[in-house]
């Protein structure tokens, strides 16, 4: 099991695509409590910072902020 820092450091240019989880295969029980949904997602995706969607490798980063994705999308749409 990799640490969070190791997960963040994965280089998408050199990662073995066959070892990445395709996010389309992740299934979350929508009736489960929030904490269980998070645990299930983490168990299935293995690395939330690097996964694939089909043949495309995706690398994500997370800002250290209290703003949510909804907040950012609303701001973007209001200022478009």
Protein backbone atom coordinates (compact mmCIF):
# COMPACT_ATOMS: atom_id res chain seq x y z
CA UNK A 1 0.00 0.00 0.00
CA UNK A 2 1.40 3.36 -1.04
CA UNK A 3 1.42 6.39 1.23
CA UNK A 4 -0.49 9.50 0.20
CA UNK A 5 2.78 11.20 -0.77
CA UNK A 6 3.74 8.25 -2.97
CA UNK A 7 0.31 8.31 -4.61
CA UNK A 8 0.68 12.04 -5.34
CA UNK A 9 4.15 11.51 -6.80
CA UNK A 10 3.14 8.97 -9.46
CA UNK A 11 4.38 10.18 -12.84
CA UNK A 12 1.75 9.66 -15.55
CA UNK A 13 4.49 9.54 -18.18
CA UNK A 14 6.04 6.41 -16.67
CA UNK A 15 3.20 4.72 -14.78
CA UNK A 16 2.20 1.21 -15.84
CA UNK A 17 -1.27 1.75 -17.32
CA UNK A 18 -2.17 -1.90 -16.68
CA UNK A 19 -1.84 -1.32 -12.93
CA UNK A 20 -4.23 1.63 -12.88
CA UNK A 21 -7.91 1.26 -12.05
CA UNK A 22 -10.42 2.40 -14.65
CA UNK A 23 -12.73 4.74 -12.76
CA UNK A 24 -15.64 3.49 -14.88
CA UNK A 25 -15.33 0.17 -13.02
CA UNK A 26 -15.76 1.79 -9.59
CA UNK A 27 -19.22 1.12 -8.18
CA UNK A 28 -20.50 3.01 -5.15
CA UNK A 29 -23.61 2.06 -3.17
CA UNK A 30 -25.60 5.30 -3.22
CA UNK A 31 -27.58 4.19 -0.17
CA UNK A 32 -24.45 3.75 1.99
CA UNK A 33 -23.45 6.42 4.53
CA UNK A 34 -20.97 9.04 3.29
CA UNK A 35 -18.04 7.53 5.21
CA UNK A 36 -18.69 4.08 3.69
CA UNK A 37 -18.90 5.61 0.20
CA UNK A 38 -15.49 7.21 0.70
CA UNK A 39 -13.97 3.99 2.03
CA UNK A 40 -15.44 2.00 -0.84
CA UNK A 41 -14.14 4.48 -3.41
CA UNK A 42 -10.64 4.46 -1.91
CA UNK A 43 -10.57 0.67 -1.73
CA UNK A 44 -11.59 0.34 -5.36
CA UNK A 45 -9.63 3.19 -6.98
CA UNK A 46 -6.46 2.51 -4.93
CA UNK A 47 -4.91 5.85 -5.94
CA UNK A 48 -7.26 8.85 -6.17
CA UNK A 49 -4.41 10.91 -7.64
CA UNK A 50 -3.79 8.67 -10.66
CA UNK A 51 -6.27 6.41 -12.43
CA UNK A 52 -7.55 5.89 -15.93
CA UNK A 53 -10.71 6.46 -17.92
CA UNK A 54 -10.55 3.95 -20.73
CA UNK A 55 -7.14 4.42 -22.33
CA UNK A 56 -6.59 7.88 -20.86
CA UNK A 57 -4.42 8.24 -17.74
CA UNK A 58 -5.73 10.94 -15.38
CA UNK A 59 -3.61 12.73 -12.78
CA UNK A 60 -5.49 14.80 -10.21
CA UNK A 61 -4.38 17.35 -7.65
CA UNK A 62 -6.29 18.79 -4.75
CA UNK A 63 -5.95 22.36 -3.50
CA UNK A 64 -5.59 22.99 0.21
CA UNK A 65 -8.75 25.06 0.56
CA UNK A 66 -12.16 25.02 2.17
CA UNK A 67 -13.86 25.77 -1.17
CA UNK A 68 -15.80 22.85 -2.59
CA UNK A 69 -16.08 21.81 -6.21
CA UNK A 70 -19.64 23.15 -6.16
CA UNK A 71 -18.31 26.52 -4.91
CA UNK A 72 -15.74 26.65 -7.71
CA UNK A 73 -18.22 25.66 -10.41
CA UNK A 74 -20.74 28.24 -9.21
CA UNK A 75 -18.03 30.93 -9.21
CA UNK A 76 -16.93 29.91 -12.69
CA UNK A 77 -20.46 29.96 -14.09
CA UNK A 78 -21.30 33.32 -12.50
CA UNK A 79 -18.17 34.91 -13.93
CA UNK A 80 -18.33 33.40 -17.40
